[in-house]
């Protein structure tokens, strides 16, 4: 408690007035008075302040105490900082995610997180959604970011970040590029450039076309979004991608991005974690950053 009294003592020296000090510390004025009286008792009953009208001035005893009080408060802050750095040096945050989110969503968050926690080692693990869910459940990952329908898996807590609207991507010279939207019928027997099996939006597209009796002609299967974009730019086929991976595309002569005409597949970027244990403080800060960043995207 003595450090608390010393902090009140230093604030009273700073403001020179009991009322202002109480306001700054959000204390009752009687609490400030009580702290000073108790501090005087600790140091042999010597008066630390003397009144001059509405102000207070340090006594000789108070002047002697002041540098020591400031030094003790400073040492406490240095100790807290040192222990915090030791804790962070030993901290690793393991995050699972998919390729598209790792490329087009995580970098800005990683940059901000590293600025705030330079001593935390961040490990990014790439996998498919179902494997990420399993690995979170088995506590192999601290958290994971997935792109899927709202996750309701056993022992998994999910936090939705943003709705991933789907787009059809083609070369600007493609005959379908002039349409205001693209349906499953429009893609019948069109050469498709798709992501690997296990991708949620690939599965949605193929199932949607099959349910309507349309043939999905897969021309290329690629595991990298940038490779898919380059293939479309070379006029090798049509791609089906979420909007967030296309936000940086500025050249209308390279890619034509057309809205999807069918119903929303309801795919959401989500943070998932094991519901049977509490998030670590570092993981919780990561979640907070993701939620703040996603609010800016809306």
C-alpha atoms as a PDB file:
ATOM      1  CA  UNK A   1       0.000   0.000   0.000  1.00  0.00           C
ATOM      2  CA  UNK A   2       2.965   2.306   0.587  1.00  0.00           C
ATOM      3  CA  UNK A   3       3.546   2.640  -3.168  1.00  0.00           C
ATOM      4  CA  UNK A   4      -0.066   3.721  -3.595  1.00  0.00           C
ATOM      5  CA  UNK A   5       0.442   6.432  -0.965  1.00  0.00           C
ATOM      6  CA  UNK A   6       3.676   7.526  -2.663  1.00  0.00           C
ATOM      7  CA  UNK A   7       1.876   7.854  -5.999  1.00  0.00           C
ATOM      8  CA  UNK A   8      -0.766  10.028  -4.352  1.00  0.00           C
ATOM      9  CA  UNK A   9       2.014  12.035  -2.703  1.00  0.00           C
ATOM     10  CA  UNK A  10       3.711  12.688  -6.077  1.00  0.00           C
ATOM     11  CA  UNK A  11       0.418  13.672  -7.718  1.00  0.00           C
ATOM     12  CA  UNK A  12      -0.320  16.132  -4.897  1.00  0.00           C
ATOM     13  CA  UNK A  13       3.138  17.651  -5.417  1.00  0.00           C
ATOM     14  CA  UNK A  14       2.339  17.950  -9.131  1.00  0.00           C
ATOM     15  CA  UNK A  15      -1.040  19.654  -8.749  1.00  0.00           C
ATOM     16  CA  UNK A  16      -0.519  21.458  -5.423  1.00  0.00           C
ATOM     17  CA  UNK A  17      -4.173  21.120  -4.505  1.00  0.00           C
ATOM     18  CA  UNK A  18      -6.189  18.342  -2.818  1.00  0.00           C
ATOM     19  CA  UNK A  19      -9.298  18.910  -4.931  1.00  0.00           C
ATOM     20  CA  UNK A  20      -7.451  18.814  -8.288  1.00  0.00           C
ATOM     21  CA  UNK A  21      -5.428  15.782  -7.220  1.00  0.00           C
ATOM     22  CA  UNK A  22      -8.591  13.910  -6.270  1.00  0.00           C
ATOM     23  CA  UNK A  23     -10.099  14.729  -9.679  1.00  0.00           C
ATOM     24  CA  UNK A  24      -7.018  13.552 -11.573  1.00  0.00           C
ATOM     25  CA  UNK A  25      -6.812  10.287  -9.626  1.00  0.00           C
ATOM     26  CA  UNK A  26     -10.589   9.795  -9.646  1.00  0.00           C
ATOM     27  CA  UNK A  27     -10.567   9.550  -5.841  1.00  0.00           C
ATOM     28  CA  UNK A  28     -12.696  11.169  -3.167  1.00  0.00           C
ATOM     29  CA  UNK A  29     -10.834  14.111  -1.639  1.00  0.00           C
ATOM     30  CA  UNK A  30     -10.951  12.334   1.701  1.00  0.00           C
ATOM     31  CA  UNK A  31      -9.017   9.429   0.149  1.00  0.00           C
ATOM     32  CA  UNK A  32      -6.196  11.761  -0.890  1.00  0.00           C
ATOM     33  CA  UNK A  33      -6.093  13.210   2.612  1.00  0.00           C
ATOM     34  CA  UNK A  34      -6.089   9.704   4.121  1.00  0.00           C
ATOM     35  CA  UNK A  35      -3.205   8.563   1.871  1.00  0.00           C
ATOM     36  CA  UNK A  36      -1.040  11.517   2.897  1.00  0.00           C
ATOM     37  CA  UNK A  37      -1.820  11.040   6.613  1.00  0.00           C
ATOM     38  CA  UNK A  38      -0.928   7.338   6.415  1.00  0.00           C
ATOM     39  CA  UNK A  39       2.306   8.149   4.576  1.00  0.00           C
ATOM     40  CA  UNK A  40       3.211  10.638   7.282  1.00  0.00           C
ATOM     41  CA  UNK A  41       2.649   7.895   9.875  1.00  0.00           C
ATOM     42  CA  UNK A  42       4.957   5.529   7.938  1.00  0.00           C
ATOM     43  CA  UNK A  43       7.748   8.121   8.035  1.00  0.00           C
ATOM     44  CA  UNK A  44       7.665   8.926  11.734  1.00  0.00           C
ATOM     45  CA  UNK A  45       4.720  11.307  11.887  1.00  0.00           C
ATOM     46  CA  UNK A  46       6.499  14.147  10.105  1.00  0.00           C
ATOM     47  CA  UNK A  47       4.346  16.602   8.174  1.00  0.00           C
ATOM     48  CA  UNK A  48       4.940  16.382   4.420  1.00  0.00           C
ATOM     49  CA  UNK A  49       2.830  19.375   3.283  1.00  0.00           C
ATOM     50  CA  UNK A  50       1.910  22.777   4.621  1.00  0.00           C
ATOM     51  CA  UNK A  51      -1.038  24.821   3.413  1.00  0.00           C
ATOM     52  CA  UNK A  52      -0.738  28.201   1.709  1.00  0.00           C
ATOM     53  CA  UNK A  53      -4.295  29.346   1.033  1.00  0.00           C
ATOM     54  CA  UNK A  54      -5.961  26.793  -1.242  1.00  0.00           C
ATOM     55  CA  UNK A  55      -2.594  25.319  -2.253  1.00  0.00           C
ATOM     56  CA  UNK A  56      -0.178  23.017  -0.453  1.00  0.00           C
ATOM     57  CA  UNK A  57       3.610  23.192  -0.428  1.00  0.00           C
ATOM     58  CA  UNK A  58       6.184  20.606   0.564  1.00  0.00           C
ATOM     59  CA  UNK A  59       7.737  20.816   4.004  1.00  0.00           C
ATOM     60  CA  UNK A  60      11.423  20.116   4.479  1.00  0.00           C
ATOM     61  CA  UNK A  61      10.582  16.456   5.196  1.00  0.00           C
ATOM     62  CA  UNK A  62       8.429  16.316   2.059  1.00  0.00           C
ATOM     63  CA  UNK A  63      11.254  17.738  -0.058  1.00  0.00           C
ATOM     64  CA  UNK A  64      13.581  15.030   1.237  1.00  0.00           C
ATOM     65  CA  UNK A  65      11.047  12.280   0.513  1.00  0.00           C
ATOM     66  CA  UNK A  66      10.122  13.404  -3.029  1.00  0.00           C
ATOM     67  CA  UNK A  67      13.166  12.075  -4.996  1.00  0.00           C
ATOM     68  CA  UNK A  68      12.959   8.731  -3.204  1.00  0.00           C
ATOM     69  CA  UNK A  69       9.222   8.489  -3.883  1.00  0.00           C
ATOM     70  CA  UNK A  70       9.752   9.136  -7.574  1.00  0.00           C
ATOM     71  CA  UNK A  71      12.577   6.618  -7.698  1.00  0.00           C
ATOM     72  CA  UNK A  72      10.492   3.889  -6.032  1.00  0.00           C
ATOM     73  CA  UNK A  73       7.602   4.459  -8.449  1.00  0.00           C
ATOM     74  CA  UNK A  74      10.015   4.375 -11.389  1.00  0.00           C
ATOM     75  CA  UNK A  75      11.576   1.127 -10.127  1.00  0.00           C
ATOM     76  CA  UNK A  76       8.142  -0.466  -9.897  1.00  0.00           C
ATOM     77  CA  UNK A  77       7.410   0.452 -13.527  1.00  0.00           C
ATOM     78  CA  UNK A  78      10.787  -0.868 -14.642  1.00  0.00           C
ATOM     79  CA  UNK A  79      10.167  -4.149 -12.824  1.00  0.00           C
ATOM     80  CA  UNK A  80       6.772  -4.557 -14.469  1.00  0.00           C
ATOM     81  CA  UNK A  81       8.268  -3.864 -17.885  1.00  0.00           C
ATOM     82  CA  UNK A  82      11.152  -6.308 -17.331  1.00  0.00           C
ATOM     83  CA  UNK A  83       8.832  -9.116 -16.248  1.00  0.00           C
ATOM     84  CA  UNK A  84       6.540  -8.390 -19.188  1.00  0.00           C
ATOM     85  CA  UNK A  85       9.450  -8.692 -21.637  1.00  0.00           C
ATOM     86  CA  UNK A  86      10.550 -11.989 -20.083  1.00  0.00           C
ATOM     87  CA  UNK A  87       7.018 -13.319 -20.472  1.00  0.00           C
ATOM     88  CA  UNK A  88       6.807 -12.192 -24.102  1.00  0.00           C
ATOM     89  CA  UNK A  89      10.229 -13.665 -24.915  1.00  0.00           C
ATOM     90  CA  UNK A  90       8.847 -17.057 -23.938  1.00  0.00           C
ATOM     91  CA  UNK A  91       5.558 -16.643 -25.803  1.00  0.00           C
ATOM     92  CA  UNK A  92       4.660 -18.278 -29.094  1.00  0.00           C
ATOM     93  CA  UNK A  93       1.327 -17.751 -30.807  1.00  0.00           C
ATOM     94  CA  UNK A  94       0.440 -20.516 -33.267  1.00  0.00           C
ATOM     95  CA  UNK A  95      -2.228 -19.558 -35.791  1.00  0.00           C
ATOM     96  CA  UNK A  96      -3.758 -21.871 -38.367  1.00  0.00           C
ATOM     97  CA  UNK A  97      -5.343 -20.513 -41.512  1.00  0.00           C
ATOM     98  CA  UNK A  98      -5.946 -21.044 -45.218  1.00  0.00           C
ATOM     99  CA  UNK A  99      -3.861 -19.721 -48.097  1.00  0.00           C
ATOM    100  CA  UNK A 100      -6.215 -16.897 -49.159  1.00  0.00           C
ATOM    101  CA  UNK A 101      -6.536 -15.402 -45.664  1.00  0.00           C
ATOM    102  CA  UNK A 102      -2.787 -15.714 -45.076  1.00  0.00           C
ATOM    103  CA  UNK A 103      -2.081 -13.651 -48.198  1.00  0.00           C
ATOM    104  CA  UNK A 104      -4.842 -11.048 -48.255  1.00  0.00           C
ATOM    105  CA  UNK A 105      -6.086 -10.653 -44.670  1.00  0.00           C
ATOM    106  CA  UNK A 106      -3.304 -11.462 -42.198  1.00  0.00           C
ATOM    107  CA  UNK A 107      -0.410  -9.196 -43.320  1.00  0.00           C
ATOM    108  CA  UNK A 108      -1.848  -5.913 -41.991  1.00  0.00           C
ATOM    109  CA  UNK A 109      -2.822  -7.540 -38.700  1.00  0.00           C
ATOM    110  CA  UNK A 110       0.584  -9.196 -38.399  1.00  0.00           C
ATOM    111  CA  UNK A 111       2.294  -5.854 -38.936  1.00  0.00           C
ATOM    112  CA  UNK A 112       0.265  -4.151 -36.214  1.00  0.00           C
ATOM    113  CA  UNK A 113       0.667  -7.098 -33.828  1.00  0.00           C
ATOM    114  CA  UNK A 114       4.438  -7.157 -34.307  1.00  0.00           C
ATOM    115  CA  UNK A 115       4.631  -3.450 -33.508  1.00  0.00           C
ATOM    116  CA  UNK A 116       2.796  -4.025 -30.234  1.00  0.00           C
ATOM    117  CA  UNK A 117       4.470  -7.337 -29.329  1.00  0.00           C
ATOM    118  CA  UNK A 118       7.886  -7.552 -31.018  1.00  0.00           C
ATOM    119  CA  UNK A 119       9.008 -10.367 -28.686  1.00  0.00           C
ATOM    120  CA  UNK A 120       6.147 -12.743 -29.505  1.00  0.00           C
ATOM    121  CA  UNK A 121       6.985 -15.465 -32.002  1.00  0.00           C
ATOM    122  CA  UNK A 122       4.073 -15.961 -34.412  1.00  0.00           C
ATOM    123  CA  UNK A 123       3.780 -19.258 -36.282  1.00  0.00           C
ATOM    124  CA  UNK A 124       1.391 -19.448 -39.245  1.00  0.00           C
ATOM    125  CA  UNK A 125       0.233 -22.954 -40.176  1.00  0.00           C
ATOM    126  CA  UNK A 126      -1.584 -23.473 -43.497  1.00  0.00           C
ATOM    127  CA  UNK A 127      -4.184 -26.227 -43.854  1.00  0.00           C
ATOM    128  CA  UNK A 128      -7.725 -26.919 -45.034  1.00  0.00           C
ATOM    129  CA  UNK A 129     -10.704 -25.861 -42.922  1.00  0.00           C
ATOM    130  CA  UNK A 130     -11.643 -29.291 -41.568  1.00  0.00           C
ATOM    131  CA  UNK A 131      -8.049 -30.015 -40.579  1.00  0.00           C
ATOM    132  CA  UNK A 132      -7.761 -26.627 -38.897  1.00  0.00           C
ATOM    133  CA  UNK A 133     -10.885 -27.321 -36.853  1.00  0.00           C
ATOM    134  CA  UNK A 134      -9.460 -30.698 -35.790  1.00  0.00           C
ATOM    135  CA  UNK A 135      -6.109 -29.189 -34.855  1.00  0.00           C
ATOM    136  CA  UNK A 136      -7.741 -26.458 -32.765  1.00  0.00           C
ATOM    137  CA  UNK A 137      -9.839 -29.090 -30.985  1.00  0.00           C
ATOM    138  CA  UNK A 138      -6.693 -31.122 -30.274  1.00  0.00           C
ATOM    139  CA  UNK A 139      -4.952 -27.939 -29.026  1.00  0.00           C
ATOM    140  CA  UNK A 140      -2.247 -28.080 -31.675  1.00  0.00           C
ATOM    141  CA  UNK A 141      -3.144 -24.492 -32.593  1.00  0.00           C
ATOM    142  CA  UNK A 142      -3.915 -21.549 -30.305  1.00  0.00           C
ATOM    143  CA  UNK A 143      -6.472 -20.177 -32.770  1.00  0.00           C
ATOM    144  CA  UNK A 144      -7.339 -20.533 -36.442  1.00  0.00           C
ATOM    145  CA  UNK A 145      -8.847 -18.341 -39.140  1.00  0.00           C
ATOM    146  CA  UNK A 146     -11.140 -20.140 -41.549  1.00  0.00           C
ATOM    147  CA  UNK A 147     -13.469 -19.254 -44.408  1.00  0.00           C
ATOM    148  CA  UNK A 148     -16.631 -21.309 -44.138  1.00  0.00           C
ATOM    149  CA  UNK A 149     -20.303 -21.359 -43.241  1.00  0.00           C
ATOM    150  CA  UNK A 150     -20.865 -20.483 -39.541  1.00  0.00           C
ATOM    151  CA  UNK A 151     -18.814 -23.043 -37.617  1.00  0.00           C
ATOM    152  CA  UNK A 152     -20.764 -25.164 -35.126  1.00  0.00           C
ATOM    153  CA  UNK A 153     -18.203 -27.866 -34.428  1.00  0.00           C
ATOM    154  CA  UNK A 154     -17.966 -29.678 -31.090  1.00  0.00           C
ATOM    155  CA  UNK A 155     -15.667 -27.979 -28.529  1.00  0.00           C
ATOM    156  CA  UNK A 156     -15.114 -25.063 -30.926  1.00  0.00           C
ATOM    157  CA  UNK A 157     -15.989 -21.410 -30.334  1.00  0.00           C
ATOM    158  CA  UNK A 158     -16.301 -19.286 -33.487  1.00  0.00           C
ATOM    159  CA  UNK A 159     -16.228 -15.498 -33.939  1.00  0.00           C
ATOM    160  CA  UNK A 160     -17.391 -14.174 -37.318  1.00  0.00           C
ATOM    161  CA  UNK A 161     -15.251 -11.409 -38.801  1.00  0.00           C
ATOM    162  CA  UNK A 162     -16.677 -10.575 -42.223  1.00  0.00           C
ATOM    163  CA  UNK A 163     -18.910 -11.946 -44.964  1.00  0.00           C
ATOM    164  CA  UNK A 164     -16.869 -13.189 -47.935  1.00  0.00           C
ATOM    165  CA  UNK A 165     -18.899 -12.175 -50.993  1.00  0.00           C
ATOM    166  CA  UNK A 166     -18.129 -14.321 -54.030  1.00  0.00           C
ATOM    167  CA  UNK A 167     -17.157 -13.008 -57.439  1.00  0.00           C
ATOM    168  CA  UNK A 168     -16.631 -14.537 -60.886  1.00  0.00           C
ATOM    169  CA  UNK A 169     -13.329 -13.481 -62.452  1.00  0.00           C
ATOM    170  CA  UNK A 170     -12.483 -13.579 -66.148  1.00  0.00           C
ATOM    171  CA  UNK A 171     -10.457 -11.789 -68.793  1.00  0.00           C
ATOM    172  CA  UNK A 172     -12.051  -8.475 -69.898  1.00  0.00           C
ATOM    173  CA  UNK A 173     -12.343  -9.817 -73.468  1.00  0.00           C
ATOM    174  CA  UNK A 174     -14.378 -12.851 -72.420  1.00  0.00           C
ATOM    175  CA  UNK A 175     -17.942 -12.867 -73.857  1.00  0.00           C
ATOM    176  CA  UNK A 176     -19.426 -13.060 -70.333  1.00  0.00           C
ATOM    177  CA  UNK A 177     -17.494  -9.987 -69.127  1.00  0.00           C
ATOM    178  CA  UNK A 178     -20.249  -7.614 -70.255  1.00  0.00           C
ATOM    179  CA  UNK A 179     -22.876  -9.210 -68.019  1.00  0.00           C
ATOM    180  CA  UNK A 180     -23.927  -7.475 -64.801  1.00  0.00           C
ATOM    181  CA  UNK A 181     -23.820 -10.806 -62.918  1.00  0.00           C
ATOM    182  CA  UNK A 182     -22.934 -14.451 -63.534  1.00  0.00           C
ATOM    183  CA  UNK A 183     -25.065 -17.500 -62.687  1.00  0.00           C
ATOM    184  CA  UNK A 184     -24.348 -21.233 -62.538  1.00  0.00           C
ATOM    185  CA  UNK A 185     -25.981 -21.580 -65.952  1.00  0.00           C
ATOM    186  CA  UNK A 186     -23.522 -19.071 -67.435  1.00  0.00           C
ATOM    187  CA  UNK A 187     -20.628 -21.271 -66.298  1.00  0.00           C
ATOM    188  CA  UNK A 188     -21.986 -24.435 -67.952  1.00  0.00           C
ATOM    189  CA  UNK A 189     -19.071 -26.082 -69.824  1.00  0.00           C
ATOM    190  CA  UNK A 190     -16.889 -23.010 -69.338  1.00  0.00           C
ATOM    191  CA  UNK A 191     -13.208 -23.798 -68.560  1.00  0.00           C
ATOM    192  CA  UNK A 192     -12.874 -23.255 -64.807  1.00  0.00           C
ATOM    193  CA  UNK A 193      -9.697 -22.459 -62.901  1.00  0.00           C
ATOM    194  CA  UNK A 194     -10.295 -23.621 -59.337  1.00  0.00           C
ATOM    195  CA  UNK A 195      -8.546 -24.007 -56.014  1.00  0.00           C
ATOM    196  CA  UNK A 196      -7.596 -27.383 -54.552  1.00  0.00           C
ATOM    197  CA  UNK A 197     -10.136 -29.881 -53.227  1.00  0.00           C
ATOM    198  CA  UNK A 198     -11.190 -29.100 -49.688  1.00  0.00           C
ATOM    199  CA  UNK A 199     -11.692 -25.398 -50.439  1.00  0.00           C
ATOM    200  CA  UNK A 200     -15.140 -24.315 -49.254  1.00  0.00           C
ATOM    201  CA  UNK A 201     -15.996 -22.005 -52.142  1.00  0.00           C
ATOM    202  CA  UNK A 202     -14.785 -24.490 -54.767  1.00  0.00           C
ATOM    203  CA  UNK A 203     -17.072 -27.121 -53.192  1.00  0.00           C
ATOM    204  CA  UNK A 204     -19.975 -24.653 -53.156  1.00  0.00           C
ATOM    205  CA  UNK A 205     -19.552 -23.806 -56.857  1.00  0.00           C
ATOM    206  CA  UNK A 206     -19.311 -27.430 -58.039  1.00  0.00           C
ATOM    207  CA  UNK A 207     -22.300 -28.471 -55.920  1.00  0.00           C
ATOM    208  CA  UNK A 208     -24.358 -25.505 -57.129  1.00  0.00           C
ATOM    209  CA  UNK A 209     -23.692 -26.319 -60.770  1.00  0.00           C
ATOM    210  CA  UNK A 210     -24.390 -30.034 -60.310  1.00  0.00           C
ATOM    211  CA  UNK A 211     -27.648 -29.358 -58.467  1.00  0.00           C
ATOM    212  CA  UNK A 212     -28.866 -27.399 -61.499  1.00  0.00           C
ATOM    213  CA  UNK A 213     -27.675 -30.015 -63.992  1.00  0.00           C
ATOM    214  CA  UNK A 214     -24.774 -27.957 -65.347  1.00  0.00           C
ATOM    215  CA  UNK A 215     -21.389 -29.392 -66.273  1.00  0.00           C
ATOM    216  CA  UNK A 216     -18.400 -27.962 -64.403  1.00  0.00           C
ATOM    217  CA  UNK A 217     -15.395 -28.217 -66.684  1.00  0.00           C
ATOM    218  CA  UNK A 218     -12.302 -27.924 -64.504  1.00  0.00           C
ATOM    219  CA  UNK A 219      -9.429 -26.821 -66.733  1.00  0.00           C
ATOM    220  CA  UNK A 220      -6.870 -25.979 -64.048  1.00  0.00           C
ATOM    221  CA  UNK A 221      -6.576 -26.775 -60.343  1.00  0.00           C
ATOM    222  CA  UNK A 222      -4.141 -24.502 -58.503  1.00  0.00           C
ATOM    223  CA  UNK A 223      -3.270 -24.118 -54.837  1.00  0.00           C
ATOM    224  CA  UNK A 224      -2.237 -20.479 -55.069  1.00  0.00           C
ATOM    225  CA  UNK A 225      -4.596 -17.528 -55.548  1.00  0.00           C
ATOM    226  CA  UNK A 226      -2.045 -15.390 -57.390  1.00  0.00           C
ATOM    227  CA  UNK A 227      -1.445 -18.267 -59.816  1.00  0.00           C
ATOM    228  CA  UNK A 228      -5.194 -18.436 -60.422  1.00  0.00           C
ATOM    229  CA  UNK A 229      -5.332 -14.700 -61.158  1.00  0.00           C
ATOM    230  CA  UNK A 230      -2.401 -14.954 -63.567  1.00  0.00           C
ATOM    231  CA  UNK A 231      -4.067 -17.866 -65.362  1.00  0.00           C
ATOM    232  CA  UNK A 232      -7.267 -15.862 -65.787  1.00  0.00           C
ATOM    233  CA  UNK A 233      -5.258 -12.902 -67.109  1.00  0.00           C
ATOM    234  CA  UNK A 234      -3.781 -15.243 -69.740  1.00  0.00           C
ATOM    235  CA  UNK A 235      -7.350 -16.105 -70.840  1.00  0.00           C
ATOM    236  CA  UNK A 236      -7.038 -19.748 -69.769  1.00  0.00           C
ATOM    237  CA  UNK A 237     -10.389 -19.844 -68.001  1.00  0.00           C
ATOM    238  CA  UNK A 238     -12.791 -18.412 -65.412  1.00  0.00           C
ATOM    239  CA  UNK A 239     -12.243 -18.316 -61.636  1.00  0.00           C
ATOM    240  CA  UNK A 240     -14.597 -18.166 -58.657  1.00  0.00           C
ATOM    241  CA  UNK A 241     -13.030 -16.183 -55.814  1.00  0.00           C
ATOM    242  CA  UNK A 242     -14.022 -14.179 -52.703  1.00  0.00           C
ATOM    243  CA  UNK A 243     -14.004 -10.400 -53.009  1.00  0.00           C
ATOM    244  CA  UNK A 244     -11.339  -9.831 -50.343  1.00  0.00           C
ATOM    245  CA  UNK A 245      -8.651 -11.511 -52.488  1.00  0.00           C
ATOM    246  CA  UNK A 246      -9.512  -9.108 -55.316  1.00  0.00           C
ATOM    247  CA  UNK A 247      -9.543  -5.828 -53.391  1.00  0.00           C
ATOM    248  CA  UNK A 248      -6.059  -4.870 -54.611  1.00  0.00           C
ATOM    249  CA  UNK A 249      -6.807  -5.492 -58.284  1.00  0.00           C
ATOM    250  CA  UNK A 250      -6.836  -2.093 -59.996  1.00  0.00           C
ATOM    251  CA  UNK A 251      -6.164  -2.834 -63.689  1.00  0.00           C
ATOM    252  CA  UNK A 252      -9.454  -3.305 -65.603  1.00  0.00           C
ATOM    253  CA  UNK A 253      -7.466  -4.502 -68.628  1.00  0.00           C
ATOM    254  CA  UNK A 254      -6.234  -7.576 -66.762  1.00  0.00           C
ATOM    255  CA  UNK A 255      -9.205  -8.966 -64.840  1.00  0.00           C
ATOM    256  CA  UNK A 256     -12.946  -8.461 -65.031  1.00  0.00           C
ATOM    257  CA  UNK A 257     -14.712  -9.010 -61.699  1.00  0.00           C
ATOM    258  CA  UNK A 258     -18.448  -9.794 -61.921  1.00  0.00           C
ATOM    259  CA  UNK A 259     -20.904 -10.369 -59.036  1.00  0.00           C
ATOM    260  CA  UNK A 260     -22.284 -13.868 -58.419  1.00  0.00           C
ATOM    261  CA  UNK A 261     -25.991 -14.027 -59.353  1.00  0.00           C
ATOM    262  CA  UNK A 262     -26.932 -17.036 -57.200  1.00  0.00           C
ATOM    263  CA  UNK A 263     -27.837 -16.883 -53.523  1.00  0.00           C
ATOM    264  CA  UNK A 264     -25.141 -15.873 -51.058  1.00  0.00           C
ATOM    265  CA  UNK A 265     -23.175 -19.002 -50.038  1.00  0.00           C
ATOM    266  CA  UNK A 266     -22.897 -17.456 -46.534  1.00  0.00           C
ATOM    267  CA  UNK A 267     -19.178 -17.939 -46.216  1.00  0.00           C
ATOM    268  CA  UNK A 268     -17.643 -16.009 -43.359  1.00  0.00           C
ATOM    269  CA  UNK A 269     -14.112 -15.378 -42.240  1.00  0.00           C
ATOM    270  CA  UNK A 270     -14.079 -16.693 -38.678  1.00  0.00           C
ATOM    271  CA  UNK A 271     -11.688 -17.010 -35.772  1.00  0.00           C
ATOM    272  CA  UNK A 272     -12.047 -20.347 -34.020  1.00  0.00           C
ATOM    273  CA  UNK A 273     -10.555 -21.565 -30.752  1.00  0.00           C
ATOM    274  CA  UNK A 274     -10.975 -24.440 -28.317  1.00  0.00           C
ATOM    275  CA  UNK A 275     -13.989 -23.681 -26.098  1.00  0.00           C
ATOM    276  CA  UNK A 276     -12.775 -25.989 -23.323  1.00  0.00           C
ATOM    277  CA  UNK A 277      -9.935 -23.638 -22.323  1.00  0.00           C
ATOM    278  CA  UNK A 278      -9.521 -19.908 -21.967  1.00  0.00           C
ATOM    279  CA  UNK A 279      -7.659 -17.890 -24.558  1.00  0.00           C
ATOM    280  CA  UNK A 280      -4.226 -16.701 -23.504  1.00  0.00           C
ATOM    281  CA  UNK A 281      -3.838 -12.941 -23.124  1.00  0.00           C
ATOM    282  CA  UNK A 282      -1.725 -12.817 -26.303  1.00  0.00           C
ATOM    283  CA  UNK A 283      -4.294 -14.807 -28.307  1.00  0.00           C
ATOM    284  CA  UNK A 284      -7.068 -12.570 -26.951  1.00  0.00           C
ATOM    285  CA  UNK A 285      -5.177  -9.488 -28.155  1.00  0.00           C
ATOM    286  CA  UNK A 286      -4.852 -11.060 -31.603  1.00  0.00           C
ATOM    287  CA  UNK A 287      -8.615 -11.647 -31.682  1.00  0.00           C
ATOM    288  CA  UNK A 288      -9.229  -8.019 -30.702  1.00  0.00           C
ATOM    289  CA  UNK A 289      -7.004  -6.804 -33.558  1.00  0.00           C
ATOM    290  CA  UNK A 290      -8.818  -9.031 -36.064  1.00  0.00           C
ATOM    291  CA  UNK A 291     -12.228  -7.798 -34.956  1.00  0.00           C
ATOM    292  CA  UNK A 292     -11.157  -4.148 -35.135  1.00  0.00           C
ATOM    293  CA  UNK A 293      -9.658  -4.651 -38.601  1.00  0.00           C
ATOM    294  CA  UNK A 294     -12.787  -6.433 -39.831  1.00  0.00           C
ATOM    295  CA  UNK A 295     -15.029  -3.613 -38.621  1.00  0.00           C
ATOM    296  CA  UNK A 296     -13.049  -1.245 -40.862  1.00  0.00           C
ATOM    297  CA  UNK A 297     -13.634  -3.560 -43.832  1.00  0.00           C
ATOM    298  CA  UNK A 298     -17.433  -3.466 -43.431  1.00  0.00           C
END
